[in-house]
Amino acid sequence: MAITQKWDSRQHMLSDNYEIFHYKDSYLKDVALHHHDFYEIYCFISGDVSYNIESRNYDLQPGDILLISPQELHQPIIEQKKPYERIVLWINCNFLKKLSSEKSDLTRCFDTGGKDRTNLLRLDPEDLRAVRAYFVDLLAETNNPKEYGDLICRSLLVRLVAELNRHFCGYTGHFETDTSLGGVMNDIVNYINKHHTRNLSLDFLSQEFYISKYHMSREFMRHFGISIHRYITKKRLITAKQLLSEGITPSEVCTMCGFSDYANFYRAFRSEYGISPREFAEYIRVRDNTTF
């Protein structure tokens, strides 16, 4: 296996195409609930880790692979008993679409629309060895660029994601566990995920789920490390970025995402992403007109 890298806390890409990391940490502080503007493929190697993705929780085993889309808030829950090792691959959404063909959509395994959506692939040992080999080769080619390395990296990337899609399309595993989320908390998160653009308040959710708003707030903070209001705002901002990427104007997006007024939307967006909604829309326009 390649030499590991020092963990980088940034959650944005510097490359226009893809980035790949091999991390091993003996001690890692809590990672906040977050999302990306790109696809993430996460290959768990060792440690004592569970992973929250939206309302789903996965107790990871060595070799597990997680497929995470840009719309999904996620967070690893790390116990410090063992070294935490993983390979993380980030892929620009537009780049992966351009690598796809008319017959083969490489983004299919990241589709969040399925009724029984799962993020987890748990492959048999032979299949896992083949997939891990692509990760290792891609790491080596990326970190030690040579002549024709760009073509080899692109070929390895296509092979890796194509193989994951093959396994994903025929996958029947179901390894979620609700041990970290109580039944009512799971219901609340699912409700927020589906209805976050509506006018949601603590009082409304308390009445909807017959639970004290104070108890609900404490339990939500305990499970996710952020308040319910902050979670709703994050979900709205994810939707806002998606709508802005589709060419919808910032003022329309503000209304569609449930913000009370544009000033509130502007402040929340700039605080979260460091740029204004209009600046983000212009960035997307320029990026999508760039040929990879």
C-alpha atoms as a PDB file:
ATOM      1  CA  MET A   1       0.000   0.000   0.000  1.00  0.00           C
ATOM      2  CA  ALA A   2       1.229   3.522  -0.783  1.00  0.00           C
ATOM      3  CA  ILE A   3       2.624   5.874   1.850  1.00  0.00           C
ATOM      4  CA  THR A   4      -0.144   7.585   3.790  1.00  0.00           C
ATOM      5  CA  GLN A   5      -0.717  11.333   3.766  1.00  0.00           C
ATOM      6  CA  LYS A   6      -1.259  13.830   6.548  1.00  0.00           C
ATOM      7  CA  TRP A   7      -4.978  14.458   6.992  1.00  0.00           C
ATOM      8  CA  ASP A   8      -6.196  17.638   5.304  1.00  0.00           C
ATOM      9  CA  SER A   9      -9.300  19.130   6.938  1.00  0.00           C
ATOM     10  CA  ARG A  10     -10.419  21.031   3.821  1.00  0.00           C
ATOM     11  CA  GLN A  11     -13.718  19.921   2.328  1.00  0.00           C
ATOM     12  CA  HIS A  12     -13.345  21.461  -1.136  1.00  0.00           C
ATOM     13  CA  MET A  13     -11.482  20.315  -4.231  1.00  0.00           C
ATOM     14  CA  LEU A  14      -8.418  22.072  -5.620  1.00  0.00           C
ATOM     15  CA  SER A  15      -8.447  20.007  -8.814  1.00  0.00           C
ATOM     16  CA  ASP A  16     -11.027  20.299 -11.603  1.00  0.00           C
ATOM     17  CA  ASN A  17     -11.151  16.528 -12.100  1.00  0.00           C
ATOM     18  CA  TYR A  18     -10.473  14.329  -9.083  1.00  0.00           C
ATOM     19  CA  GLU A  19      -8.373  14.021  -5.933  1.00  0.00           C
ATOM     20  CA  ILE A  20      -7.383  10.889  -4.031  1.00  0.00           C
ATOM     21  CA  PHE A  21      -6.006  10.538  -0.501  1.00  0.00           C
ATOM     22  CA  HIS A  22      -4.666   7.735   1.664  1.00  0.00           C
ATOM     23  CA  TYR A  23      -4.967   8.638   5.345  1.00  0.00           C
ATOM     24  CA  LYS A  24      -3.946   6.885   8.541  1.00  0.00           C
ATOM     25  CA  ASP A  25      -4.496   8.642  11.860  1.00  0.00           C
ATOM     26  CA  SER A  26      -3.828   7.496  15.394  1.00  0.00           C
ATOM     27  CA  TYR A  27      -5.830  10.420  16.727  1.00  0.00           C
ATOM     28  CA  LEU A  28      -8.373  12.473  14.818  1.00  0.00           C
ATOM     29  CA  LYS A  29     -10.671  15.059  16.333  1.00  0.00           C
ATOM     30  CA  ASP A  30     -14.382  14.947  15.650  1.00  0.00           C
ATOM     31  CA  VAL A  31     -15.298  15.665  12.040  1.00  0.00           C
ATOM     32  CA  ALA A  32     -18.309  17.979  11.724  1.00  0.00           C
ATOM     33  CA  LEU A  33     -21.410  17.083   9.742  1.00  0.00           C
ATOM     34  CA  HIS A  34     -20.743  18.319   6.207  1.00  0.00           C
ATOM     35  CA  HIS A  35     -21.376  17.845   2.502  1.00  0.00           C
ATOM     36  CA  HIS A  36     -19.432  18.322  -0.728  1.00  0.00           C
ATOM     37  CA  ASP A  37     -20.054  19.654  -4.229  1.00  0.00           C
ATOM     38  CA  PHE A  38     -18.543  16.469  -5.657  1.00  0.00           C
ATOM     39  CA  TYR A  39     -18.892  12.695  -5.479  1.00  0.00           C
ATOM     40  CA  GLU A  40     -16.985  10.893  -2.743  1.00  0.00           C
ATOM     41  CA  ILE A  41     -15.878   7.256  -2.743  1.00  0.00           C
ATOM     42  CA  TYR A  42     -14.647   6.182   0.675  1.00  0.00           C
ATOM     43  CA  CYS A  43     -12.785   2.906   1.182  1.00  0.00           C
ATOM     44  CA  PHE A  44     -12.477   1.927   4.849  1.00  0.00           C
ATOM     45  CA  ILE A  45      -9.306  -0.007   5.712  1.00  0.00           C
ATOM     46  CA  SER A  46      -9.070  -0.148   9.510  1.00  0.00           C
ATOM     47  CA  GLY A  47     -10.206   1.433  12.745  1.00  0.00           C
ATOM     48  CA  ASP A  48     -13.330   1.613  14.873  1.00  0.00           C
ATOM     49  CA  VAL A  49     -15.686   3.828  12.898  1.00  0.00           C
ATOM     50  CA  SER A  50     -19.376   4.225  12.191  1.00  0.00           C
ATOM     51  CA  TYR A  51     -20.606   6.603   9.522  1.00  0.00           C
ATOM     52  CA  ASN A  52     -23.727   8.759   9.536  1.00  0.00           C
ATOM     53  CA  ILE A  53     -25.117   9.685   6.111  1.00  0.00           C
ATOM     54  CA  GLU A  54     -28.401  11.577   6.316  1.00  0.00           C
ATOM     55  CA  SER A  55     -30.584   9.385   8.595  1.00  0.00           C
ATOM     56  CA  ARG A  56     -28.614   6.210   7.846  1.00  0.00           C
ATOM     57  CA  ASN A  57     -25.878   4.845  10.062  1.00  0.00           C
ATOM     58  CA  TYR A  58     -23.280   2.270   9.010  1.00  0.00           C
ATOM     59  CA  ASP A  59     -21.035   0.271  11.350  1.00  0.00           C
ATOM     60  CA  LEU A  60     -18.009  -0.148   9.111  1.00  0.00           C
ATOM     61  CA  GLN A  61     -15.933  -3.264   8.558  1.00  0.00           C
ATOM     62  CA  PRO A  62     -12.507  -3.315   6.852  1.00  0.00           C
ATOM     63  CA  GLY A  63     -13.002  -3.207   3.092  1.00  0.00           C
ATOM     64  CA  ASP A  64     -16.369  -1.442   3.216  1.00  0.00           C
ATOM     65  CA  ILE A  65     -16.919   1.153   0.482  1.00  0.00           C
ATOM     66  CA  LEU A  66     -19.222   4.152   0.859  1.00  0.00           C
ATOM     67  CA  LEU A  67     -20.656   6.062  -2.118  1.00  0.00           C
ATOM     68  CA  ILE A  68     -21.643   9.605  -1.112  1.00  0.00           C
ATOM     69  CA  SER A  69     -23.416  12.107  -3.338  1.00  0.00           C
ATOM     70  CA  PRO A  70     -23.201  15.922  -3.116  1.00  0.00           C
ATOM     71  CA  GLN A  71     -26.705  16.153  -1.669  1.00  0.00           C
ATOM     72  CA  GLU A  72     -25.958  14.007   1.382  1.00  0.00           C
ATOM     73  CA  LEU A  73     -24.841  15.362   4.750  1.00  0.00           C
ATOM     74  CA  HIS A  74     -22.389  12.924   6.312  1.00  0.00           C
ATOM     75  CA  GLN A  75     -20.075  12.460   9.273  1.00  0.00           C
ATOM     76  CA  PRO A  76     -17.721   9.753  10.566  1.00  0.00           C
ATOM     77  CA  ILE A  77     -18.015   8.803  14.233  1.00  0.00           C
ATOM     78  CA  ILE A  78     -14.501   7.782  15.242  1.00  0.00           C
ATOM     79  CA  GLU A  79     -13.454   5.802  18.291  1.00  0.00           C
ATOM     80  CA  GLN A  80      -9.835   6.440  19.226  1.00  0.00           C
ATOM     81  CA  LYS A  81      -8.998   2.826  20.147  1.00  0.00           C
ATOM     82  CA  LYS A  82      -7.343   1.863  16.849  1.00  0.00           C
ATOM     83  CA  PRO A  83      -5.497   3.652  14.023  1.00  0.00           C
ATOM     84  CA  TYR A  84      -8.023   4.977  11.505  1.00  0.00           C
ATOM     85  CA  GLU A  85      -7.005   4.191   7.911  1.00  0.00           C
ATOM     86  CA  ARG A  86      -8.976   4.848   4.708  1.00  0.00           C
ATOM     87  CA  ILE A  87      -8.685   5.849   1.062  1.00  0.00           C
ATOM     88  CA  VAL A  88     -10.844   8.770  -0.035  1.00  0.00           C
ATOM     89  CA  LEU A  89     -11.552   9.613  -3.681  1.00  0.00           C
ATOM     90  CA  TRP A  90     -13.235  12.881  -4.702  1.00  0.00           C
ATOM     91  CA  ILE A  91     -14.580  13.256  -8.244  1.00  0.00           C
ATOM     92  CA  ASN A  92     -15.922  16.393  -9.892  1.00  0.00           C
ATOM     93  CA  CYS A  93     -19.559  15.760 -10.902  1.00  0.00           C
ATOM     94  CA  ASN A  94     -19.229  17.308 -14.340  1.00  0.00           C
ATOM     95  CA  PHE A  95     -16.002  15.416 -14.994  1.00  0.00           C
ATOM     96  CA  LEU A  96     -17.575  12.053 -14.123  1.00  0.00           C
ATOM     97  CA  LYS A  97     -20.540  12.764 -16.384  1.00  0.00           C
ATOM     98  CA  LYS A  98     -18.169  13.493 -19.257  1.00  0.00           C
ATOM     99  CA  LEU A  99     -16.355  10.203 -18.639  1.00  0.00           C
ATOM    100  CA  SER A 100     -19.678   8.360 -18.964  1.00  0.00           C
ATOM    101  CA  SER A 101     -21.116   7.044 -22.232  1.00  0.00           C
ATOM    102  CA  GLU A 102     -24.634   6.858 -23.652  1.00  0.00           C
ATOM    103  CA  LYS A 103     -24.896   3.241 -22.504  1.00  0.00           C
ATOM    104  CA  SER A 104     -23.020   3.515 -19.225  1.00  0.00           C
ATOM    105  CA  ASP A 105     -23.739   6.265 -16.693  1.00  0.00           C
ATOM    106  CA  LEU A 106     -20.889   6.325 -14.194  1.00  0.00           C
ATOM    107  CA  THR A 107     -22.894   8.532 -11.817  1.00  0.00           C
ATOM    108  CA  ARG A 108     -25.630   5.909 -11.379  1.00  0.00           C
ATOM    109  CA  CYS A 109     -24.237   4.464  -8.156  1.00  0.00           C
ATOM    110  CA  PHE A 110     -24.547   7.899  -6.522  1.00  0.00           C
ATOM    111  CA  ASP A 111     -28.248   8.285  -7.322  1.00  0.00           C
ATOM    112  CA  THR A 112     -30.127   9.296  -4.168  1.00  0.00           C
ATOM    113  CA  GLY A 113     -33.601   8.786  -5.615  1.00  0.00           C
ATOM    114  CA  GLY A 114     -33.997   5.072  -4.926  1.00  0.00           C
ATOM    115  CA  LYS A 115     -36.543   3.941  -2.356  1.00  0.00           C
ATOM    116  CA  ASP A 116     -34.107   1.614  -0.560  1.00  0.00           C
ATOM    117  CA  ARG A 117     -31.082   3.845  -0.952  1.00  0.00           C
ATOM    118  CA  THR A 118     -27.888   2.462   0.545  1.00  0.00           C
ATOM    119  CA  ASN A 119     -24.456   4.066   0.490  1.00  0.00           C
ATOM    120  CA  LEU A 120     -22.600   0.904   1.446  1.00  0.00           C
ATOM    121  CA  LEU A 121     -20.942  -1.759  -0.684  1.00  0.00           C
ATOM    122  CA  ARG A 122     -19.589  -4.752   1.203  1.00  0.00           C
ATOM    123  CA  LEU A 123     -17.878  -6.914  -1.425  1.00  0.00           C
ATOM    124  CA  ASP A 124     -16.682 -10.480  -1.226  1.00  0.00           C
ATOM    125  CA  PRO A 125     -12.885 -10.875  -0.785  1.00  0.00           C
ATOM    126  CA  GLU A 126     -12.088 -11.567  -4.456  1.00  0.00           C
ATOM    127  CA  ASP A 127     -14.073  -8.587  -5.747  1.00  0.00           C
ATOM    128  CA  LEU A 128     -12.644  -6.383  -3.019  1.00  0.00           C
ATOM    129  CA  ARG A 129      -9.063  -7.274  -3.978  1.00  0.00           C
ATOM    130  CA  ALA A 130      -9.750  -6.247  -7.581  1.00  0.00           C
ATOM    131  CA  VAL A 131     -11.332  -2.944  -6.574  1.00  0.00           C
ATOM    132  CA  ARG A 132      -8.618  -2.179  -4.019  1.00  0.00           C
ATOM    133  CA  ALA A 133      -6.007  -2.708  -6.739  1.00  0.00           C
ATOM    134  CA  TYR A 134      -7.565   0.134  -8.759  1.00  0.00           C
ATOM    135  CA  PHE A 135      -7.409   2.410  -5.716  1.00  0.00           C
ATOM    136  CA  VAL A 136      -3.749   1.552  -5.125  1.00  0.00           C
ATOM    137  CA  ASP A 137      -2.758   2.011  -8.782  1.00  0.00           C
ATOM    138  CA  LEU A 138      -4.625   5.309  -9.014  1.00  0.00           C
ATOM    139  CA  LEU A 139      -2.890   6.550  -5.853  1.00  0.00           C
ATOM    140  CA  ALA A 140       0.515   5.582  -7.255  1.00  0.00           C
ATOM    141  CA  GLU A 141      -0.058   7.186 -10.663  1.00  0.00           C
ATOM    142  CA  THR A 142      -1.525  10.352  -9.131  1.00  0.00           C
ATOM    143  CA  ASN A 143       1.202  10.862  -6.543  1.00  0.00           C
ATOM    144  CA  ASN A 144       4.087   9.991  -8.896  1.00  0.00           C
ATOM    145  CA  PRO A 145       3.125  11.506 -12.263  1.00  0.00           C
ATOM    146  CA  LYS A 146       4.978  10.167 -15.286  1.00  0.00           C
ATOM    147  CA  GLU A 147       4.677  10.459 -19.049  1.00  0.00           C
ATOM    148  CA  TYR A 148       1.147   9.491 -20.182  1.00  0.00           C
ATOM    149  CA  GLY A 149       0.149   9.445 -16.528  1.00  0.00           C
ATOM    150  CA  ASP A 150      -2.936  11.572 -17.168  1.00  0.00           C
ATOM    151  CA  LEU A 151      -4.337   8.968 -19.578  1.00  0.00           C
ATOM    152  CA  ILE A 152      -3.523   6.097 -17.244  1.00  0.00           C
ATOM    153  CA  CYS A 153      -5.184   7.903 -14.325  1.00  0.00           C
ATOM    154  CA  ARG A 154      -8.282   8.566 -16.388  1.00  0.00           C
ATOM    155  CA  SER A 155      -8.398   4.924 -17.482  1.00  0.00           C
ATOM    156  CA  LEU A 156      -8.003   3.688 -13.894  1.00  0.00           C
ATOM    157  CA  LEU A 157     -10.683   6.076 -12.684  1.00  0.00           C
ATOM    158  CA  VAL A 158     -13.155   4.844 -15.299  1.00  0.00           C
ATOM    159  CA  ARG A 159     -12.355   1.191 -14.520  1.00  0.00           C
ATOM    160  CA  LEU A 160     -12.774   1.756 -10.778  1.00  0.00           C
ATOM    161  CA  VAL A 161     -16.100   3.602 -10.973  1.00  0.00           C
ATOM    162  CA  ALA A 162     -17.428   1.248 -13.654  1.00  0.00           C
ATOM    163  CA  GLU A 163     -16.668  -1.764 -11.442  1.00  0.00           C
ATOM    164  CA  LEU A 164     -18.342  -0.095  -8.464  1.00  0.00           C
ATOM    165  CA  ASN A 165     -21.425   0.572 -10.600  1.00  0.00           C
ATOM    166  CA  ARG A 166     -21.520  -3.082 -11.679  1.00  0.00           C
ATOM    167  CA  HIS A 167     -21.469  -4.207  -8.073  1.00  0.00           C
ATOM    168  CA  PHE A 168     -23.903  -1.511  -6.979  1.00  0.00           C
ATOM    169  CA  CYS A 169     -26.512  -2.380  -9.607  1.00  0.00           C
ATOM    170  CA  GLY A 170     -26.650  -6.006  -8.466  1.00  0.00           C
ATOM    171  CA  TYR A 171     -26.173  -5.337  -4.771  1.00  0.00           C
ATOM    172  CA  THR A 172     -28.689  -6.591  -2.221  1.00  0.00           C
ATOM    173  CA  GLY A 173     -26.789  -5.939   1.017  1.00  0.00           C
ATOM    174  CA  HIS A 174     -28.475  -3.923   3.742  1.00  0.00           C
ATOM    175  CA  PHE A 175     -26.214  -3.100   6.664  1.00  0.00           C
ATOM    176  CA  GLU A 176     -27.710   0.010   8.233  1.00  0.00           C
ATOM    177  CA  THR A 177     -28.135   0.039  11.972  1.00  0.00           C
ATOM    178  CA  ASP A 178     -30.294   2.343  14.036  1.00  0.00           C
ATOM    179  CA  THR A 179     -28.244   1.947  17.208  1.00  0.00           C
ATOM    180  CA  SER A 180     -27.142   5.587  17.181  1.00  0.00           C
ATOM    181  CA  LEU A 181     -30.514   7.071  16.211  1.00  0.00           C
ATOM    182  CA  GLY A 182     -33.655   6.506  18.227  1.00  0.00           C
ATOM    183  CA  GLY A 183     -36.796   5.726  16.245  1.00  0.00           C
ATOM    184  CA  VAL A 184     -38.350   9.159  16.664  1.00  0.00           C
ATOM    185  CA  MET A 185     -35.058  10.914  15.879  1.00  0.00           C
ATOM    186  CA  ASN A 186     -34.767   8.888  12.717  1.00  0.00           C
ATOM    187  CA  ASP A 187     -38.307   9.939  11.769  1.00  0.00           C
ATOM    188  CA  ILE A 188     -37.537  13.600  12.481  1.00  0.00           C
ATOM    189  CA  VAL A 189     -34.400  13.589  10.327  1.00  0.00           C
ATOM    190  CA  ASN A 190     -36.232  11.891   7.467  1.00  0.00           C
ATOM    191  CA  TYR A 191     -39.031  14.447   7.717  1.00  0.00           C
ATOM    192  CA  ILE A 192     -36.593  17.355   7.641  1.00  0.00           C
ATOM    193  CA  ASN A 193     -34.741  15.851   4.676  1.00  0.00           C
ATOM    194  CA  LYS A 194     -38.002  15.660   2.694  1.00  0.00           C
ATOM    195  CA  HIS A 195     -39.583  18.935   3.813  1.00  0.00           C
ATOM    196  CA  HIS A 196     -36.676  21.284   4.622  1.00  0.00           C
ATOM    197  CA  THR A 197     -37.877  23.903   2.106  1.00  0.00           C
ATOM    198  CA  ARG A 198     -41.081  24.357   4.114  1.00  0.00           C
ATOM    199  CA  ASN A 199     -41.520  26.615   7.133  1.00  0.00           C
ATOM    200  CA  LEU A 200     -40.218  24.264   9.832  1.00  0.00           C
ATOM    201  CA  SER A 201     -39.883  25.297  13.468  1.00  0.00           C
ATOM    202  CA  LEU A 202     -39.153  23.549  16.750  1.00  0.00           C
ATOM    203  CA  ASP A 203     -42.759  24.047  17.821  1.00  0.00           C
ATOM    204  CA  PHE A 204     -44.058  22.514  14.597  1.00  0.00           C
ATOM    205  CA  LEU A 205     -41.743  19.485  14.785  1.00  0.00           C
ATOM    206  CA  SER A 206     -42.550  19.041  18.473  1.00  0.00           C
ATOM    207  CA  GLN A 207     -46.267  18.892  17.721  1.00  0.00           C
ATOM    208  CA  GLU A 208     -45.794  16.735  14.631  1.00  0.00           C
ATOM    209  CA  PHE A 209     -43.836  14.055  16.513  1.00  0.00           C
ATOM    210  CA  TYR A 210     -45.389  14.414  19.986  1.00  0.00           C
ATOM    211  CA  ILE A 211     -42.079  15.148  21.677  1.00  0.00           C
ATOM    212  CA  SER A 212     -40.879  17.950  23.913  1.00  0.00           C
ATOM    213  CA  LYS A 213     -38.977  20.483  21.834  1.00  0.00           C
ATOM    214  CA  TYR A 214     -36.332  20.737  24.564  1.00  0.00           C
ATOM    215  CA  HIS A 215     -35.770  16.968  24.637  1.00  0.00           C
ATOM    216  CA  MET A 216     -35.809  16.877  20.826  1.00  0.00           C
ATOM    217  CA  SER A 217     -33.203  19.649  20.639  1.00  0.00           C
ATOM    218  CA  ARG A 218     -30.908  17.938  23.162  1.00  0.00           C
ATOM    219  CA  GLU A 219     -31.138  14.563  21.424  1.00  0.00           C
ATOM    220  CA  PHE A 220     -30.538  16.073  17.987  1.00  0.00           C
ATOM    221  CA  MET A 221     -27.480  17.932  19.244  1.00  0.00           C
ATOM    222  CA  ARG A 222     -26.194  14.774  20.903  1.00  0.00           C
ATOM    223  CA  HIS A 223     -26.504  12.709  17.727  1.00  0.00           C
ATOM    224  CA  PHE A 224     -25.361  15.246  15.128  1.00  0.00           C
ATOM    225  CA  GLY A 225     -23.347  17.853  17.007  1.00  0.00           C
ATOM    226  CA  ILE A 226     -25.420  20.712  15.554  1.00  0.00           C
ATOM    227  CA  SER A 227     -28.823  22.232  16.298  1.00  0.00           C
ATOM    228  CA  ILE A 228     -31.990  21.370  14.397  1.00  0.00           C
ATOM    229  CA  HIS A 229     -32.099  24.922  13.012  1.00  0.00           C
ATOM    230  CA  ARG A 230     -28.526  24.583  11.739  1.00  0.00           C
ATOM    231  CA  TYR A 231     -29.292  21.206  10.160  1.00  0.00           C
ATOM    232  CA  ILE A 232     -32.327  22.620   8.345  1.00  0.00           C
ATOM    233  CA  THR A 233     -30.241  25.559   7.125  1.00  0.00           C
ATOM    234  CA  LYS A 234     -27.549  23.210   5.810  1.00  0.00           C
ATOM    235  CA  LYS A 235     -30.140  21.167   3.911  1.00  0.00           C
ATOM    236  CA  ARG A 236     -31.626  24.344   2.426  1.00  0.00           C
ATOM    237  CA  LEU A 237     -28.202  25.564   1.344  1.00  0.00           C
ATOM    238  CA  ILE A 238     -27.424  22.235  -0.336  1.00  0.00           C
ATOM    239  CA  THR A 239     -30.664  22.557  -2.308  1.00  0.00           C
ATOM    240  CA  ALA A 240     -29.850  26.190  -3.064  1.00  0.00           C
ATOM    241  CA  LYS A 241     -26.476  25.274  -4.569  1.00  0.00           C
ATOM    242  CA  GLN A 242     -28.107  22.629  -6.717  1.00  0.00           C
ATOM    243  CA  LEU A 243     -30.744  25.059  -8.001  1.00  0.00           C
ATOM    244  CA  LEU A 244     -28.158  27.768  -8.652  1.00  0.00           C
ATOM    245  CA  SER A 245     -26.146  25.201 -10.606  1.00  0.00           C
ATOM    246  CA  GLU A 246     -29.215  24.623 -12.784  1.00  0.00           C
ATOM    247  CA  GLY A 247     -29.334  28.307 -13.736  1.00  0.00           C
ATOM    248  CA  ILE A 248     -32.172  29.448 -11.455  1.00  0.00           C
ATOM    249  CA  THR A 249     -31.736  33.031 -10.242  1.00  0.00           C
ATOM    250  CA  PRO A 250     -30.658  33.656  -6.619  1.00  0.00           C
ATOM    251  CA  SER A 251     -33.900  35.491  -5.777  1.00  0.00           C
ATOM    252  CA  GLU A 252     -35.996  32.567  -7.020  1.00  0.00           C
ATOM    253  CA  VAL A 253     -33.766  30.082  -5.188  1.00  0.00           C
ATOM    254  CA  CYS A 254     -34.225  32.014  -1.953  1.00  0.00           C
ATOM    255  CA  THR A 255     -37.989  31.561  -2.112  1.00  0.00           C
ATOM    256  CA  MET A 256     -37.858  27.956  -3.334  1.00  0.00           C
ATOM    257  CA  CYS A 257     -35.578  26.897  -0.461  1.00  0.00           C
ATOM    258  CA  GLY A 258     -37.726  28.305   2.330  1.00  0.00           C
ATOM    259  CA  PHE A 259     -35.645  31.290   3.454  1.00  0.00           C
ATOM    260  CA  SER A 260     -37.681  34.104   4.970  1.00  0.00           C
ATOM    261  CA  ASP A 261     -35.997  36.846   2.917  1.00  0.00           C
ATOM    262  CA  TYR A 262     -33.039  37.365   0.604  1.00  0.00           C
ATOM    263  CA  ALA A 263     -30.864  39.032   3.253  1.00  0.00           C
ATOM    264  CA  ASN A 264     -31.182  35.945   5.455  1.00  0.00           C
ATOM    265  CA  PHE A 265     -30.404  33.685   2.491  1.00  0.00           C
ATOM    266  CA  TYR A 266     -27.415  35.811   1.484  1.00  0.00           C
ATOM    267  CA  ARG A 267     -25.917  35.793   4.998  1.00  0.00           C
ATOM    268  CA  ALA A 268     -26.396  32.052   5.446  1.00  0.00           C
ATOM    269  CA  PHE A 269     -24.940  31.214   2.030  1.00  0.00           C
ATOM    270  CA  ARG A 270     -21.924  33.483   2.412  1.00  0.00           C
ATOM    271  CA  SER A 271     -21.259  32.252   5.957  1.00  0.00           C
ATOM    272  CA  GLU A 272     -21.363  28.613   4.839  1.00  0.00           C
ATOM    273  CA  TYR A 273     -19.446  28.846   1.558  1.00  0.00           C
ATOM    274  CA  GLY A 274     -17.465  32.082   1.685  1.00  0.00           C
ATOM    275  CA  ILE A 275     -19.049  33.552  -1.453  1.00  0.00           C
ATOM    276  CA  SER A 276     -22.410  35.085  -2.308  1.00  0.00           C
ATOM    277  CA  PRO A 277     -25.144  33.203  -4.195  1.00  0.00           C
ATOM    278  CA  ARG A 278     -24.531  35.322  -7.304  1.00  0.00           C
ATOM    279  CA  GLU A 279     -20.774  34.719  -7.151  1.00  0.00           C
ATOM    280  CA  PHE A 280     -21.400  30.978  -6.841  1.00  0.00           C
ATOM    281  CA  ALA A 281     -23.778  31.011  -9.830  1.00  0.00           C
ATOM    282  CA  GLU A 282     -21.138  32.794 -11.924  1.00  0.00           C
ATOM    283  CA  TYR A 283     -18.445  30.344 -10.798  1.00  0.00           C
ATOM    284  CA  ILE A 284     -20.622  27.408 -11.887  1.00  0.00           C
ATOM    285  CA  ARG A 285     -21.328  29.035 -15.250  1.00  0.00           C
ATOM    286  CA  VAL A 286     -17.606  29.487 -15.953  1.00  0.00           C
ATOM    287  CA  ARG A 287     -16.696  26.033 -14.632  1.00  0.00           C
ATOM    288  CA  ASP A 288     -19.281  24.203 -16.712  1.00  0.00           C
ATOM    289  CA  ASN A 289     -18.078  25.972 -19.851  1.00  0.00           C
ATOM    290  CA  THR A 290     -14.563  24.684 -19.217  1.00  0.00           C
ATOM    291  CA  THR A 291     -13.476  21.679 -21.258  1.00  0.00           C
ATOM    292  CA  PHE A 292     -11.798  18.995 -19.172  1.00  0.00           C
END
